[in-house]
Amino acid sequence: YRYLMRGVEYADSFDFNPHKWMMV
């Protein structure tokens, strides 16, 4: 599924929620 984040190298900041789908 990492193809969906192609271009992420342009990011100045990135955020995701482990409490949503990573069982935290």
mmCIF file of all heavy atoms, coordinates in Angstrom:
data_MODEL
# 
_entry.id   MODEL 
# 
loop_
_atom_site.group_PDB 
_atom_site.id 
_atom_site.type_symbol 
_atom_site.label_atom_id 
_atom_site.label_alt_id 
_atom_site.label_comp_id 
_atom_site.label_asym_id 
_atom_site.label_entity_id 
_atom_site.label_seq_id 
_atom_site.pdbx_PDB_ins_code 
_atom_site.Cartn_x 
_atom_site.Cartn_y 
_atom_site.Cartn_z 
_atom_site.occupancy 
_atom_site.B_iso_or_equiv 
_atom_site.pdbx_formal_charge 
_atom_site.auth_seq_id 
_atom_site.auth_comp_id 
_atom_site.auth_asym_id 
_atom_site.auth_atom_id 
_atom_site.pdbx_PDB_model_num 
ATOM 1   N N   . TYR A 1 1  ? 0.807  -1.219 0.000  1.00 0.00 ? 1  TYR A N   1 
ATOM 2   C CA  . TYR A 1 1  ? 0.000  0.000  0.000  1.00 0.00 ? 1  TYR A CA  1 
ATOM 3   C C   . TYR A 1 1  ? 0.843  1.273  0.000  1.00 0.00 ? 1  TYR A C   1 
ATOM 4   O O   . TYR A 1 1  ? 0.299  2.373  -0.015 1.00 0.00 ? 1  TYR A O   1 
ATOM 5   C CB  . TYR A 1 1  ? -0.946 0.010  1.211  1.00 0.00 ? 1  TYR A CB  1 
ATOM 6   C CG  . TYR A 1 1  ? -1.936 -1.134 1.189  1.00 0.00 ? 1  TYR A CG  1 
ATOM 7   C CD1 . TYR A 1 1  ? -1.927 -2.100 2.192  1.00 0.00 ? 1  TYR A CD1 1 
ATOM 8   C CD2 . TYR A 1 1  ? -2.854 -1.268 0.153  1.00 0.00 ? 1  TYR A CD2 1 
ATOM 9   C CE1 . TYR A 1 1  ? -2.812 -3.167 2.166  1.00 0.00 ? 1  TYR A CE1 1 
ATOM 10  C CE2 . TYR A 1 1  ? -3.742 -2.326 0.115  1.00 0.00 ? 1  TYR A CE2 1 
ATOM 11  C CZ  . TYR A 1 1  ? -3.710 -3.273 1.126  1.00 0.00 ? 1  TYR A CZ  1 
ATOM 12  O OH  . TYR A 1 1  ? -4.588 -4.330 1.086  1.00 0.00 ? 1  TYR A OH  1 
ATOM 13  N N   . ARG A 1 2  ? 2.149  1.118  -0.016 1.00 0.00 ? 2  ARG A N   1 
ATOM 14  C CA  . ARG A 1 2  ? 2.998  2.305  0.076  1.00 0.00 ? 2  ARG A CA  1 
ATOM 15  C C   . ARG A 1 2  ? 3.013  3.137  -1.201 1.00 0.00 ? 2  ARG A C   1 
ATOM 16  O O   . ARG A 1 2  ? 3.426  4.296  -1.180 1.00 0.00 ? 2  ARG A O   1 
ATOM 17  C CB  . ARG A 1 2  ? 4.423  1.894  0.463  1.00 0.00 ? 2  ARG A CB  1 
ATOM 18  C CG  . ARG A 1 2  ? 4.502  1.402  1.894  1.00 0.00 ? 2  ARG A CG  1 
ATOM 19  C CD  . ARG A 1 2  ? 5.870  0.905  2.279  1.00 0.00 ? 2  ARG A CD  1 
ATOM 20  N NE  . ARG A 1 2  ? 5.819  0.191  3.553  1.00 0.00 ? 2  ARG A NE  1 
ATOM 21  C CZ  . ARG A 1 2  ? 6.759  -0.628 3.992  1.00 0.00 ? 2  ARG A CZ  1 
ATOM 22  N NH1 . ARG A 1 2  ? 7.833  -0.841 3.254  1.00 0.00 ? 2  ARG A NH1 1 
ATOM 23  N NH2 . ARG A 1 2  ? 6.622  -1.238 5.146  1.00 0.00 ? 2  ARG A NH2 1 
ATOM 24  N N   . TYR A 1 3  ? 2.549  2.573  -2.296 1.00 0.00 ? 3  TYR A N   1 
ATOM 25  C CA  . TYR A 1 3  ? 2.474  3.361  -3.527 1.00 0.00 ? 3  TYR A CA  1 
ATOM 26  C C   . TYR A 1 3  ? 1.518  4.541  -3.351 1.00 0.00 ? 3  TYR A C   1 
ATOM 27  O O   . TYR A 1 3  ? 1.633  5.567  -4.048 1.00 0.00 ? 3  TYR A O   1 
ATOM 28  C CB  . TYR A 1 3  ? 2.017  2.482  -4.703 1.00 0.00 ? 3  TYR A CB  1 
ATOM 29  C CG  . TYR A 1 3  ? 0.552  2.100  -4.660 1.00 0.00 ? 3  TYR A CG  1 
ATOM 30  C CD1 . TYR A 1 3  ? -0.398 2.852  -5.353 1.00 0.00 ? 3  TYR A CD1 1 
ATOM 31  C CD2 . TYR A 1 3  ? 0.108  1.007  -3.922 1.00 0.00 ? 3  TYR A CD2 1 
ATOM 32  C CE1 . TYR A 1 3  ? -1.740 2.516  -5.313 1.00 0.00 ? 3  TYR A CE1 1 
ATOM 33  C CE2 . TYR A 1 3  ? -1.220 0.656  -3.883 1.00 0.00 ? 3  TYR A CE2 1 
ATOM 34  C CZ  . TYR A 1 3  ? -2.147 1.406  -4.570 1.00 0.00 ? 3  TYR A CZ  1 
ATOM 35  O OH  . TYR A 1 3  ? -3.480 1.074  -4.526 1.00 0.00 ? 3  TYR A OH  1 
ATOM 36  N N   . LEU A 1 4  ? 0.591  4.415  -2.399 1.00 0.00 ? 4  LEU A N   1 
ATOM 37  C CA  . LEU A 1 4  ? -0.384 5.476  -2.165 1.00 0.00 ? 4  LEU A CA  1 
ATOM 38  C C   . LEU A 1 4  ? 0.238  6.711  -1.513 1.00 0.00 ? 4  LEU A C   1 
ATOM 39  O O   . LEU A 1 4  ? -0.394 7.768  -1.468 1.00 0.00 ? 4  LEU A O   1 
ATOM 40  C CB  . LEU A 1 4  ? -1.525 4.954  -1.281 1.00 0.00 ? 4  LEU A CB  1 
ATOM 41  C CG  . LEU A 1 4  ? -2.411 3.874  -1.915 1.00 0.00 ? 4  LEU A CG  1 
ATOM 42  C CD1 . LEU A 1 4  ? -3.274 3.194  -0.868 1.00 0.00 ? 4  LEU A CD1 1 
ATOM 43  C CD2 . LEU A 1 4  ? -3.274 4.476  -3.019 1.00 0.00 ? 4  LEU A CD2 1 
ATOM 44  N N   . MET A 1 5  ? 1.462  6.575  -1.007 1.00 0.00 ? 5  MET A N   1 
ATOM 45  C CA  . MET A 1 5  ? 2.129  7.715  -0.382 1.00 0.00 ? 5  MET A CA  1 
ATOM 46  C C   . MET A 1 5  ? 3.311  8.214  -1.220 1.00 0.00 ? 5  MET A C   1 
ATOM 47  O O   . MET A 1 5  ? 4.176  8.929  -0.715 1.00 0.00 ? 5  MET A O   1 
ATOM 48  C CB  . MET A 1 5  ? 2.591  7.350  1.036  1.00 0.00 ? 5  MET A CB  1 
ATOM 49  C CG  . MET A 1 5  ? 3.569  6.193  1.094  1.00 0.00 ? 5  MET A CG  1 
ATOM 50  S SD  . MET A 1 5  ? 3.942  5.644  2.801  1.00 0.00 ? 5  MET A SD  1 
ATOM 51  C CE  . MET A 1 5  ? 4.705  7.086  3.506  1.00 0.00 ? 5  MET A CE  1 
ATOM 52  N N   . ARG A 1 6  ? 3.340  7.852  -2.502 1.00 0.00 ? 6  ARG A N   1 
ATOM 53  C CA  . ARG A 1 6  ? 4.395  8.379  -3.368 1.00 0.00 ? 6  ARG A CA  1 
ATOM 54  C C   . ARG A 1 6  ? 4.349  9.905  -3.378 1.00 0.00 ? 6  ARG A C   1 
ATOM 55  O O   . ARG A 1 6  ? 3.287  10.502 -3.517 1.00 0.00 ? 6  ARG A O   1 
ATOM 56  C CB  . ARG A 1 6  ? 4.210  7.856  -4.786 1.00 0.00 ? 6  ARG A CB  1 
ATOM 57  C CG  . ARG A 1 6  ? 4.549  6.377  -4.954 1.00 0.00 ? 6  ARG A CG  1 
ATOM 58  C CD  . ARG A 1 6  ? 4.201  5.896  -6.340 1.00 0.00 ? 6  ARG A CD  1 
ATOM 59  N NE  . ARG A 1 6  ? 4.408  4.471  -6.489 1.00 0.00 ? 6  ARG A NE  1 
ATOM 60  C CZ  . ARG A 1 6  ? 3.815  3.718  -7.412 1.00 0.00 ? 6  ARG A CZ  1 
ATOM 61  N NH1 . ARG A 1 6  ? 2.995  4.282  -8.301 1.00 0.00 ? 6  ARG A NH1 1 
ATOM 62  N NH2 . ARG A 1 6  ? 4.042  2.430  -7.488 1.00 0.00 ? 6  ARG A NH2 1 
ATOM 63  N N   . GLY A 1 7  ? 5.511  10.513 -3.222 1.00 0.00 ? 7  GLY A N   1 
ATOM 64  C CA  . GLY A 1 7  ? 5.586  11.961 -3.126 1.00 0.00 ? 7  GLY A CA  1 
ATOM 65  C C   . GLY A 1 7  ? 5.673  12.446 -1.694 1.00 0.00 ? 7  GLY A C   1 
ATOM 66  O O   . GLY A 1 7  ? 5.734  13.653 -1.442 1.00 0.00 ? 7  GLY A O   1 
ATOM 67  N N   . VAL A 1 8  ? 5.692  11.509 -0.734 1.00 0.00 ? 8  VAL A N   1 
ATOM 68  C CA  . VAL A 1 8  ? 5.735  11.896 0.675  1.00 0.00 ? 8  VAL A CA  1 
ATOM 69  C C   . VAL A 1 8  ? 7.027  12.635 1.016  1.00 0.00 ? 8  VAL A C   1 
ATOM 70  O O   . VAL A 1 8  ? 7.100  13.365 2.026  1.00 0.00 ? 8  VAL A O   1 
ATOM 71  C CB  . VAL A 1 8  ? 5.574  10.641 1.571  1.00 0.00 ? 8  VAL A CB  1 
ATOM 72  C CG1 . VAL A 1 8  ? 6.815  9.767  1.514  1.00 0.00 ? 8  VAL A CG1 1 
ATOM 73  C CG2 . VAL A 1 8  ? 5.245  11.033 3.002  1.00 0.00 ? 8  VAL A CG2 1 
ATOM 74  N N   . GLU A 1 9  ? 8.052  12.490 0.179  1.00 0.00 ? 9  GLU A N   1 
ATOM 75  C CA  . GLU A 1 9  ? 9.329  13.172 0.447  1.00 0.00 ? 9  GLU A CA  1 
ATOM 76  C C   . GLU A 1 9  ? 9.211  14.693 0.372  1.00 0.00 ? 9  GLU A C   1 
ATOM 77  O O   . GLU A 1 9  ? 10.094 15.415 0.831  1.00 0.00 ? 9  GLU A O   1 
ATOM 78  C CB  . GLU A 1 9  ? 10.401 12.698 -0.547 1.00 0.00 ? 9  GLU A CB  1 
ATOM 79  C CG  . GLU A 1 9  ? 10.135 13.039 -1.997 1.00 0.00 ? 9  GLU A CG  1 
ATOM 80  C CD  . GLU A 1 9  ? 9.311  11.988 -2.735 1.00 0.00 ? 9  GLU A CD  1 
ATOM 81  O OE1 . GLU A 1 9  ? 8.738  11.103 -2.071 1.00 0.00 ? 9  GLU A OE1 1 
ATOM 82  O OE2 . GLU A 1 9  ? 9.250  12.066 -3.984 1.00 0.00 ? 9  GLU A OE2 1 
ATOM 83  N N   . TYR A 1 10 ? 8.095  15.189 -0.183 1.00 0.00 ? 10 TYR A N   1 
ATOM 84  C CA  . TYR A 1 10 ? 7.885  16.633 -0.244 1.00 0.00 ? 10 TYR A CA  1 
ATOM 85  C C   . TYR A 1 10 ? 7.287  17.194 1.046  1.00 0.00 ? 10 TYR A C   1 
ATOM 86  O O   . TYR A 1 10 ? 7.176  18.410 1.204  1.00 0.00 ? 10 TYR A O   1 
ATOM 87  C CB  . TYR A 1 10 ? 6.946  16.988 -1.408 1.00 0.00 ? 10 TYR A CB  1 
ATOM 88  C CG  . TYR A 1 10 ? 7.545  16.739 -2.775 1.00 0.00 ? 10 TYR A CG  1 
ATOM 89  C CD1 . TYR A 1 10 ? 7.182  15.613 -3.519 1.00 0.00 ? 10 TYR A CD1 1 
ATOM 90  C CD2 . TYR A 1 10 ? 8.468  17.624 -3.325 1.00 0.00 ? 10 TYR A CD2 1 
ATOM 91  C CE1 . TYR A 1 10 ? 7.723  15.383 -4.768 1.00 0.00 ? 10 TYR A CE1 1 
ATOM 92  C CE2 . TYR A 1 10 ? 9.013  17.396 -4.584 1.00 0.00 ? 10 TYR A CE2 1 
ATOM 93  C CZ  . TYR A 1 10 ? 8.643  16.286 -5.303 1.00 0.00 ? 10 TYR A CZ  1 
ATOM 94  O OH  . TYR A 1 10 ? 9.186  16.064 -6.540 1.00 0.00 ? 10 TYR A OH  1 
ATOM 95  N N   . ALA A 1 11 ? 6.896  16.335 1.960  1.00 0.00 ? 11 ALA A N   1 
ATOM 96  C CA  . ALA A 1 11 ? 6.187  16.773 3.165  1.00 0.00 ? 11 ALA A CA  1 
ATOM 97  C C   . ALA A 1 11 ? 7.086  17.553 4.112  1.00 0.00 ? 11 ALA A C   1 
ATOM 98  O O   . ALA A 1 11 ? 8.251  17.209 4.306  1.00 0.00 ? 11 ALA A O   1 
ATOM 99  C CB  . ALA A 1 11 ? 5.602  15.563 3.891  1.00 0.00 ? 11 ALA A CB  1 
ATOM 100 N N   . ASP A 1 12 ? 6.523  18.594 4.711  1.00 0.00 ? 12 ASP A N   1 
ATOM 101 C CA  . ASP A 1 12 ? 7.180  19.295 5.817  1.00 0.00 ? 12 ASP A CA  1 
ATOM 102 C C   . ASP A 1 12 ? 6.738  18.699 7.147  1.00 0.00 ? 12 ASP A C   1 
ATOM 103 O O   . ASP A 1 12 ? 7.460  18.791 8.141  1.00 0.00 ? 12 ASP A O   1 
ATOM 104 C CB  . ASP A 1 12 ? 6.834  20.776 5.782  1.00 0.00 ? 12 ASP A CB  1 
ATOM 105 C CG  . ASP A 1 12 ? 7.460  21.472 4.589  1.00 0.00 ? 12 ASP A CG  1 
ATOM 106 O OD1 . ASP A 1 12 ? 8.688  21.664 4.599  1.00 0.00 ? 12 ASP A OD1 1 
ATOM 107 O OD2 . ASP A 1 12 ? 6.726  21.809 3.633  1.00 0.00 ? 12 ASP A OD2 1 
ATOM 108 N N   . SER A 1 13 ? 5.554  18.109 7.161  1.00 0.00 ? 13 SER A N   1 
ATOM 109 C CA  . SER A 1 13 ? 5.071  17.412 8.353  1.00 0.00 ? 13 SER A CA  1 
ATOM 110 C C   . SER A 1 13 ? 4.099  16.322 7.927  1.00 0.00 ? 13 SER A C   1 
ATOM 111 O O   . SER A 1 13 ? 3.469  16.403 6.870  1.00 0.00 ? 13 SER A O   1 
ATOM 112 C CB  . SER A 1 13 ? 4.401  18.381 9.334  1.00 0.00 ? 13 SER A CB  1 
ATOM 113 O OG  . SER A 1 13 ? 3.388  19.140 8.711  1.00 0.00 ? 13 SER A OG  1 
ATOM 114 N N   . PHE A 1 14 ? 4.019  15.291 8.749  1.00 0.00 ? 14 PHE A N   1 
ATOM 115 C CA  . PHE A 1 14 ? 3.211  14.107 8.425  1.00 0.00 ? 14 PHE A CA  1 
ATOM 116 C C   . PHE A 1 14 ? 2.604  13.592 9.728  1.00 0.00 ? 14 PHE A C   1 
ATOM 117 O O   . PHE A 1 14 ? 3.279  13.563 10.763 1.00 0.00 ? 14 PHE A O   1 
ATOM 118 C CB  . PHE A 1 14 ? 4.100  13.029 7.793  1.00 0.00 ? 14 PHE A CB  1 
ATOM 119 C CG  . PHE A 1 14 ? 3.386  11.748 7.436  1.00 0.00 ? 14 PHE A CG  1 
ATOM 120 C CD1 . PHE A 1 14 ? 2.963  11.515 6.138  1.00 0.00 ? 14 PHE A CD1 1 
ATOM 121 C CD2 . PHE A 1 14 ? 3.134  10.775 8.397  1.00 0.00 ? 14 PHE A CD2 1 
ATOM 122 C CE1 . PHE A 1 14 ? 2.319  10.328 5.798  1.00 0.00 ? 14 PHE A CE1 1 
ATOM 123 C CE2 . PHE A 1 14 ? 2.496  9.592  8.064  1.00 0.00 ? 14 PHE A CE2 1 
ATOM 124 C CZ  . PHE A 1 14 ? 2.089  9.366  6.757  1.00 0.00 ? 14 PHE A CZ  1 
ATOM 125 N N   . ASP A 1 15 ? 1.345  13.186 9.686  1.00 0.00 ? 15 ASP A N   1 
ATOM 126 C CA  . ASP A 1 15 ? 0.704  12.691 10.909 1.00 0.00 ? 15 ASP A CA  1 
ATOM 127 C C   . ASP A 1 15 ? -0.234 11.529 10.602 1.00 0.00 ? 15 ASP A C   1 
ATOM 128 O O   . ASP A 1 15 ? -0.918 11.525 9.576  1.00 0.00 ? 15 ASP A O   1 
ATOM 129 C CB  . ASP A 1 15 ? -0.103 13.817 11.577 1.00 0.00 ? 15 ASP A CB  1 
ATOM 130 C CG  . ASP A 1 15 ? -0.764 13.364 12.863 1.00 0.00 ? 15 ASP A CG  1 
ATOM 131 O OD1 . ASP A 1 15 ? -0.082 13.365 13.904 1.00 0.00 ? 15 ASP A OD1 1 
ATOM 132 O OD2 . ASP A 1 15 ? -1.950 12.984 12.830 1.00 0.00 ? 15 ASP A OD2 1 
ATOM 133 N N   . PHE A 1 16 ? -0.221 10.517 11.500 1.00 0.00 ? 16 PHE A N   1 
ATOM 134 C CA  . PHE A 1 16 ? -1.234 9.469  11.447 1.00 0.00 ? 16 PHE A CA  1 
ATOM 135 C C   . PHE A 1 16 ? -1.581 9.063  12.872 1.00 0.00 ? 16 PHE A C   1 
ATOM 136 O O   . PHE A 1 16 ? -0.851 9.355  13.823 1.00 0.00 ? 16 PHE A O   1 
ATOM 137 C CB  . PHE A 1 16 ? -0.763 8.275  10.607 1.00 0.00 ? 16 PHE A CB  1 
ATOM 138 C CG  . PHE A 1 16 ? 0.136  7.309  11.344 1.00 0.00 ? 16 PHE A CG  1 
ATOM 139 C CD1 . PHE A 1 16 ? -0.363 6.091  11.800 1.00 0.00 ? 16 PHE A CD1 1 
ATOM 140 C CD2 . PHE A 1 16 ? 1.471  7.605  11.569 1.00 0.00 ? 16 PHE A CD2 1 
ATOM 141 C CE1 . PHE A 1 16 ? 0.466  5.194  12.466 1.00 0.00 ? 16 PHE A CE1 1 
ATOM 142 C CE2 . PHE A 1 16 ? 2.302  6.709  12.232 1.00 0.00 ? 16 PHE A CE2 1 
ATOM 143 C CZ  . PHE A 1 16 ? 1.792  5.498  12.689 1.00 0.00 ? 16 PHE A CZ  1 
ATOM 144 N N   . ASN A 1 17 ? -2.721 8.392  13.021 1.00 0.00 ? 17 ASN A N   1 
ATOM 145 C CA  . ASN A 1 17 ? -3.230 8.041  14.349 1.00 0.00 ? 17 ASN A CA  1 
ATOM 146 C C   . ASN A 1 17 ? -3.093 6.542  14.620 1.00 0.00 ? 17 ASN A C   1 
ATOM 147 O O   . ASN A 1 17 ? -3.916 5.748  14.148 1.00 0.00 ? 17 ASN A O   1 
ATOM 148 C CB  . ASN A 1 17 ? -4.709 8.420  14.476 1.00 0.00 ? 17 ASN A CB  1 
ATOM 149 C CG  . ASN A 1 17 ? -4.921 9.902  14.599 1.00 0.00 ? 17 ASN A CG  1 
ATOM 150 O OD1 . ASN A 1 17 ? -4.007 10.639 14.943 1.00 0.00 ? 17 ASN A OD1 1 
ATOM 151 N ND2 . ASN A 1 17 ? -6.135 10.350 14.323 1.00 0.00 ? 17 ASN A ND2 1 
ATOM 152 N N   . PRO A 1 18 ? -2.096 6.126  15.393 1.00 0.00 ? 18 PRO A N   1 
ATOM 153 C CA  . PRO A 1 18 ? -2.044 4.721  15.817 1.00 0.00 ? 18 PRO A CA  1 
ATOM 154 C C   . PRO A 1 18 ? -3.289 4.309  16.607 1.00 0.00 ? 18 PRO A C   1 
ATOM 155 O O   . PRO A 1 18 ? -3.631 3.137  16.652 1.00 0.00 ? 18 PRO A O   1 
ATOM 156 C CB  . PRO A 1 18 ? -0.783 4.668  16.696 1.00 0.00 ? 18 PRO A CB  1 
ATOM 157 C CG  . PRO A 1 18 ? 0.081  5.773  16.173 1.00 0.00 ? 18 PRO A CG  1 
ATOM 158 C CD  . PRO A 1 18 ? -0.880 6.861  15.798 1.00 0.00 ? 18 PRO A CD  1 
ATOM 159 N N   . HIS A 1 19 ? -3.972 5.286  17.204 1.00 0.00 ? 19 HIS A N   1 
ATOM 160 C CA  . HIS A 1 19 ? -5.183 4.943  17.953 1.00 0.00 ? 19 HIS A CA  1 
ATOM 161 C C   . HIS A 1 19 ? -6.400 4.718  17.054 1.00 0.00 ? 19 HIS A C   1 
ATOM 162 O O   . HIS A 1 19 ? -7.482 4.423  17.555 1.00 0.00 ? 19 HIS A O   1 
ATOM 163 C CB  . HIS A 1 19 ? -5.495 6.003  19.025 1.00 0.00 ? 19 HIS A CB  1 
ATOM 164 C CG  . HIS A 1 19 ? -5.869 7.359  18.492 1.00 0.00 ? 19 HIS A CG  1 
ATOM 165 N ND1 . HIS A 1 19 ? -5.287 8.518  18.949 1.00 0.00 ? 19 HIS A ND1 1 
ATOM 166 C CD2 . HIS A 1 19 ? -6.761 7.763  17.573 1.00 0.00 ? 19 HIS A CD2 1 
ATOM 167 C CE1 . HIS A 1 19 ? -5.813 9.567  18.339 1.00 0.00 ? 19 HIS A CE1 1 
ATOM 168 N NE2 . HIS A 1 19 ? -6.706 9.124  17.490 1.00 0.00 ? 19 HIS A NE2 1 
ATOM 169 N N   . LYS A 1 20 ? -6.222 4.836  15.745 1.00 0.00 ? 20 LYS A N   1 
ATOM 170 C CA  . LYS A 1 20 ? -7.333 4.560  14.843 1.00 0.00 ? 20 LYS A CA  1 
ATOM 171 C C   . LYS A 1 20 ? -7.283 3.138  14.275 1.00 0.00 ? 20 LYS A C   1 
ATOM 172 O O   . LYS A 1 20 ? -8.286 2.457  14.223 1.00 0.00 ? 20 LYS A O   1 
ATOM 173 C CB  . LYS A 1 20 ? -7.342 5.572  13.689 1.00 0.00 ? 20 LYS A CB  1 
ATOM 174 C CG  . LYS A 1 20 ? -8.155 6.823  13.956 1.00 0.00 ? 20 LYS A CG  1 
ATOM 175 C CD  . LYS A 1 20 ? -8.444 7.570  12.670 1.00 0.00 ? 20 LYS A CD  1 
ATOM 176 C CE  . LYS A 1 20 ? -9.454 8.682  12.898 1.00 0.00 ? 20 LYS A CE  1 
ATOM 177 N NZ  . LYS A 1 20 ? -8.931 9.782  13.705 1.00 0.00 ? 20 LYS A NZ  1 
ATOM 178 N N   . TRP A 1 21 ? -6.124 2.713  13.790 1.00 0.00 ? 21 TRP A N   1 
ATOM 179 C CA  . TRP A 1 21 ? -6.085 1.438  13.067 1.00 0.00 ? 21 TRP A CA  1 
ATOM 180 C C   . TRP A 1 21 ? -4.880 0.591  13.461 1.00 0.00 ? 21 TRP A C   1 
ATOM 181 O O   . TRP A 1 21 ? -4.621 -0.432 12.852 1.00 0.00 ? 21 TRP A O   1 
ATOM 182 C CB  . TRP A 1 21 ? -6.080 1.706  11.557 1.00 0.00 ? 21 TRP A CB  1 
ATOM 183 C CG  . TRP A 1 21 ? -6.647 0.610  10.732 1.00 0.00 ? 21 TRP A CG  1 
ATOM 184 C CD1 . TRP A 1 21 ? -7.341 -0.499 11.156 1.00 0.00 ? 21 TRP A CD1 1 
ATOM 185 C CD2 . TRP A 1 21 ? -6.587 0.486  9.304  1.00 0.00 ? 21 TRP A CD2 1 
ATOM 186 N NE1 . TRP A 1 21 ? -7.718 -1.289 10.112 1.00 0.00 ? 21 TRP A NE1 1 
ATOM 187 C CE2 . TRP A 1 21 ? -7.261 -0.702 8.940  1.00 0.00 ? 21 TRP A CE2 1 
ATOM 188 C CE3 . TRP A 1 21 ? -6.034 1.261  8.300  1.00 0.00 ? 21 TRP A CE3 1 
ATOM 189 C CZ2 . TRP A 1 21 ? -7.393 -1.134 7.631  1.00 0.00 ? 21 TRP A CZ2 1 
ATOM 190 C CZ3 . TRP A 1 21 ? -6.171 0.846  6.988  1.00 0.00 ? 21 TRP A CZ3 1 
ATOM 191 C CH2 . TRP A 1 21 ? -6.849 -0.336 6.656  1.00 0.00 ? 21 TRP A CH2 1 
ATOM 192 N N   . MET A 1 22 ? -4.158 1.019  14.494 1.00 0.00 ? 22 MET A N   1 
ATOM 193 C CA  . MET A 1 22 ? -2.993 0.262  14.899 1.00 0.00 ? 22 MET A CA  1 
ATOM 194 C C   . MET A 1 22 ? -3.156 -0.299 16.313 1.00 0.00 ? 22 MET A C   1 
ATOM 195 O O   . MET A 1 22 ? -2.180 -0.626 16.983 1.00 0.00 ? 22 MET A O   1 
ATOM 196 C CB  . MET A 1 22 ? -1.724 1.116  14.796 1.00 0.00 ? 22 MET A CB  1 
ATOM 197 C CG  . MET A 1 22 ? -0.441 0.293  14.708 1.00 0.00 ? 22 MET A CG  1 
ATOM 198 S SD  . MET A 1 22 ? 1.063  1.293  14.584 1.00 0.00 ? 22 MET A SD  1 
ATOM 199 C CE  . MET A 1 22 ? 1.116  1.581  12.821 1.00 0.00 ? 22 MET A CE  1 
ATOM 200 N N   . MET A 1 23 ? -4.410 -0.344 16.774 1.00 0.00 ? 23 MET A N   1 
ATOM 201 C CA  . MET A 1 23 ? -4.771 -1.033 18.016 1.00 0.00 ? 23 MET A CA  1 
ATOM 202 C C   . MET A 1 23 ? -4.219 -0.371 19.272 1.00 0.00 ? 23 MET A C   1 
ATOM 203 O O   . MET A 1 23 ? -4.153 -0.989 20.330 1.00 0.00 ? 23 MET A O   1 
ATOM 204 C CB  . MET A 1 23 ? -4.343 -2.503 17.965 1.00 0.00 ? 23 MET A CB  1 
ATOM 205 C CG  . MET A 1 23 ? -4.979 -3.275 16.836 1.00 0.00 ? 23 MET A CG  1 
ATOM 206 S SD  . MET A 1 23 ? -4.344 -4.960 16.655 1.00 0.00 ? 23 MET A SD  1 
ATOM 207 C CE  . MET A 1 23 ? -2.730 -4.661 15.954 1.00 0.00 ? 23 MET A CE  1 
ATOM 208 N N   . VAL A 1 24 ? -3.818 0.899  19.177 1.00 0.00 ? 24 VAL A N   1 
ATOM 209 C CA  . VAL A 1 24 ? -3.343 1.634  20.341 1.00 0.00 ? 24 VAL A CA  1 
ATOM 210 C C   . VAL A 1 24 ? -4.522 2.388  20.953 1.00 0.00 ? 24 VAL A C   1 
ATOM 211 O O   . VAL A 1 24 ? -5.351 2.953  20.232 1.00 0.00 ? 24 VAL A O   1 
ATOM 212 C CB  . VAL A 1 24 ? -2.231 2.627  19.952 1.00 0.00 ? 24 VAL A CB  1 
ATOM 213 C CG1 . VAL A 1 24 ? -1.767 3.420  21.165 1.00 0.00 ? 24 VAL A CG1 1 
ATOM 214 C CG2 . VAL A 1 24 ? -1.062 1.886  19.316 1.00 0.00 ? 24 VAL A CG2 1 
# 
